[in-house]
Amino acid sequence: MAHEHPVAMSPCITCGRPFMYDPERVVSVLIDTATGWYPEPGRRHHAARVPACHFCVRAANVERRKRGLPLGYEGDTYADLVRRLARDEW
């Protein structure tokens, strides 16, 4: 069957575990490719988005909720891929 979205696999920015995700919808962190850290405002053109797995996003949201901070996006970012895997739409 045809894919509705592309699928990618790489390590999570937080835990390092490889995971599969939809690159158009995955939660990601902006990282300066030269320093490996969040980019300074003047260096954002040197930055790349690095994906975070759903386990790390959920764990971060628990901490953010405790601190009263806005939550990182969870939504259906990973659920759609899980549904496609369950139906074996490859």
C-alpha atoms as a PDB file:
ATOM      1  CA  MET A   1       0.000   0.000   0.000  1.00  0.00           C
ATOM      2  CA  ALA A   2       1.082   3.574  -0.571  1.00  0.00           C
ATOM      3  CA  HIS A   3       2.282   5.811   2.231  1.00  0.00           C
ATOM      4  CA  GLU A   4       0.411   8.973   3.027  1.00  0.00           C
ATOM      5  CA  HIS A   5       3.490  10.384   4.756  1.00  0.00           C
ATOM      6  CA  PRO A   6       7.202   9.582   4.564  1.00  0.00           C
ATOM      7  CA  VAL A   7       8.810   7.522   7.332  1.00  0.00           C
ATOM      8  CA  ALA A   8      12.273   8.088   8.799  1.00  0.00           C
ATOM      9  CA  MET A   9      14.368   6.473  11.526  1.00  0.00           C
ATOM     10  CA  SER A  10      17.073   8.090  13.646  1.00  0.00           C
ATOM     11  CA  PRO A  11      18.180   8.381  17.274  1.00  0.00           C
ATOM     12  CA  CYS A  12      16.228  10.535  19.722  1.00  0.00           C
ATOM     13  CA  ILE A  13      17.959  13.818  20.672  1.00  0.00           C
ATOM     14  CA  THR A  14      17.287  13.103  24.358  1.00  0.00           C
ATOM     15  CA  CYS A  15      17.701   9.373  24.999  1.00  0.00           C
ATOM     16  CA  GLY A  16      19.592   8.269  21.884  1.00  0.00           C
ATOM     17  CA  ARG A  17      17.274   5.318  21.139  1.00  0.00           C
ATOM     18  CA  PRO A  18      16.533   4.884  17.438  1.00  0.00           C
ATOM     19  CA  PHE A  19      12.858   5.290  16.576  1.00  0.00           C
ATOM     20  CA  MET A  20      10.641   5.573  13.508  1.00  0.00           C
ATOM     21  CA  TYR A  21       8.692   8.747  12.835  1.00  0.00           C
ATOM     22  CA  ASP A  22       6.990  10.887  10.231  1.00  0.00           C
ATOM     23  CA  PRO A  23       9.578  13.626   9.502  1.00  0.00           C
ATOM     24  CA  GLU A  24       6.846  16.128   8.626  1.00  0.00           C
ATOM     25  CA  ARG A  25       5.139  15.784  12.021  1.00  0.00           C
ATOM     26  CA  VAL A  26       7.769  14.693  14.570  1.00  0.00           C
ATOM     27  CA  VAL A  27       8.553  16.844  17.621  1.00  0.00           C
ATOM     28  CA  SER A  28      12.074  18.170  17.137  1.00  0.00           C
ATOM     29  CA  VAL A  29      14.675  20.428  18.731  1.00  0.00           C
ATOM     30  CA  LEU A  30      16.635  23.092  16.853  1.00  0.00           C
ATOM     31  CA  ILE A  31      20.391  22.353  17.199  1.00  0.00           C
ATOM     32  CA  ASP A  32      23.365  24.369  15.910  1.00  0.00           C
ATOM     33  CA  THR A  33      25.314  21.926  13.724  1.00  0.00           C
ATOM     34  CA  ALA A  34      28.658  23.521  14.665  1.00  0.00           C
ATOM     35  CA  THR A  35      28.216  23.549  18.453  1.00  0.00           C
ATOM     36  CA  GLY A  36      25.659  20.810  19.147  1.00  0.00           C
ATOM     37  CA  TRP A  37      23.690  23.232  21.343  1.00  0.00           C
ATOM     38  CA  TYR A  38      20.546  25.302  20.900  1.00  0.00           C
ATOM     39  CA  PRO A  39      21.561  28.064  18.452  1.00  0.00           C
ATOM     40  CA  GLU A  40      22.122  31.687  19.365  1.00  0.00           C
ATOM     41  CA  PRO A  41      19.639  33.990  17.560  1.00  0.00           C
ATOM     42  CA  GLY A  42      22.238  34.990  14.943  1.00  0.00           C
ATOM     43  CA  ARG A  43      23.177  31.382  14.146  1.00  0.00           C
ATOM     44  CA  ARG A  44      19.762  29.866  13.444  1.00  0.00           C
ATOM     45  CA  HIS A  45      20.643  29.539   9.753  1.00  0.00           C
ATOM     46  CA  HIS A  46      23.333  26.996  10.857  1.00  0.00           C
ATOM     47  CA  ALA A  47      20.787  24.920  12.776  1.00  0.00           C
ATOM     48  CA  ALA A  48      19.062  21.641  11.993  1.00  0.00           C
ATOM     49  CA  ARG A  49      15.973  20.055  13.537  1.00  0.00           C
ATOM     50  CA  VAL A  50      16.740  16.874  15.505  1.00  0.00           C
ATOM     51  CA  PRO A  51      13.783  14.591  16.412  1.00  0.00           C
ATOM     52  CA  ALA A  52      12.647  13.547  19.898  1.00  0.00           C
ATOM     53  CA  CYS A  53      10.872  10.234  20.563  1.00  0.00           C
ATOM     54  CA  HIS A  54       7.371  10.100  22.032  1.00  0.00           C
ATOM     55  CA  PHE A  55       8.640   8.667  25.349  1.00  0.00           C
ATOM     56  CA  CYS A  56      10.920  11.678  25.882  1.00  0.00           C
ATOM     57  CA  VAL A  57       8.258  14.173  24.780  1.00  0.00           C
ATOM     58  CA  ARG A  58       5.758  12.654  27.222  1.00  0.00           C
ATOM     59  CA  ALA A  59       8.337  12.663  30.051  1.00  0.00           C
ATOM     60  CA  ALA A  60       9.174  16.305  29.327  1.00  0.00           C
ATOM     61  CA  ASN A  61       5.473  17.180  29.343  1.00  0.00           C
ATOM     62  CA  VAL A  62       5.073  15.614  32.811  1.00  0.00           C
ATOM     63  CA  GLU A  63       7.848  17.888  34.100  1.00  0.00           C
ATOM     64  CA  ARG A  64       6.447  20.916  32.271  1.00  0.00           C
ATOM     65  CA  ARG A  65       2.996  20.232  33.744  1.00  0.00           C
ATOM     66  CA  LYS A  66       4.499  20.091  37.277  1.00  0.00           C
ATOM     67  CA  ARG A  67       6.170  23.474  36.704  1.00  0.00           C
ATOM     68  CA  GLY A  68       3.081  25.074  35.182  1.00  0.00           C
ATOM     69  CA  LEU A  69       4.769  25.540  31.786  1.00  0.00           C
ATOM     70  CA  PRO A  70       3.078  25.121  28.394  1.00  0.00           C
ATOM     71  CA  LEU A  71       3.237  21.564  27.083  1.00  0.00           C
ATOM     72  CA  GLY A  72       5.287  20.408  24.141  1.00  0.00           C
ATOM     73  CA  TYR A  73       3.171  19.041  21.306  1.00  0.00           C
ATOM     74  CA  GLU A  74       2.139  15.397  21.591  1.00  0.00           C
ATOM     75  CA  GLY A  75      -1.068  15.214  19.588  1.00  0.00           C
ATOM     76  CA  ASP A  76      -1.190  12.527  16.922  1.00  0.00           C
ATOM     77  CA  THR A  77       2.416  12.993  15.825  1.00  0.00           C
ATOM     78  CA  TYR A  78       3.345   9.417  16.679  1.00  0.00           C
ATOM     79  CA  ALA A  79      -0.128   7.829  16.789  1.00  0.00           C
ATOM     80  CA  ASP A  80      -0.591   7.956  13.005  1.00  0.00           C
ATOM     81  CA  LEU A  81       2.639   6.029  12.459  1.00  0.00           C
ATOM     82  CA  VAL A  82       1.636   3.456  15.086  1.00  0.00           C
ATOM     83  CA  ARG A  83      -1.733   2.997  13.353  1.00  0.00           C
ATOM     84  CA  ARG A  84      -0.025   2.468  10.008  1.00  0.00           C
ATOM     85  CA  LEU A  85       2.381  -0.050  11.547  1.00  0.00           C
ATOM     86  CA  ALA A  86      -0.545  -1.921  13.120  1.00  0.00           C
ATOM     87  CA  ARG A  87      -2.303  -2.147   9.741  1.00  0.00           C
ATOM     88  CA  ASP A  88       0.980  -3.080   8.049  1.00  0.00           C
ATOM     89  CA  GLU A  89       0.670  -0.285   5.502  1.00  0.00           C
ATOM     90  CA  TRP A  90       4.178  -0.584   4.127  1.00  0.00           C
END
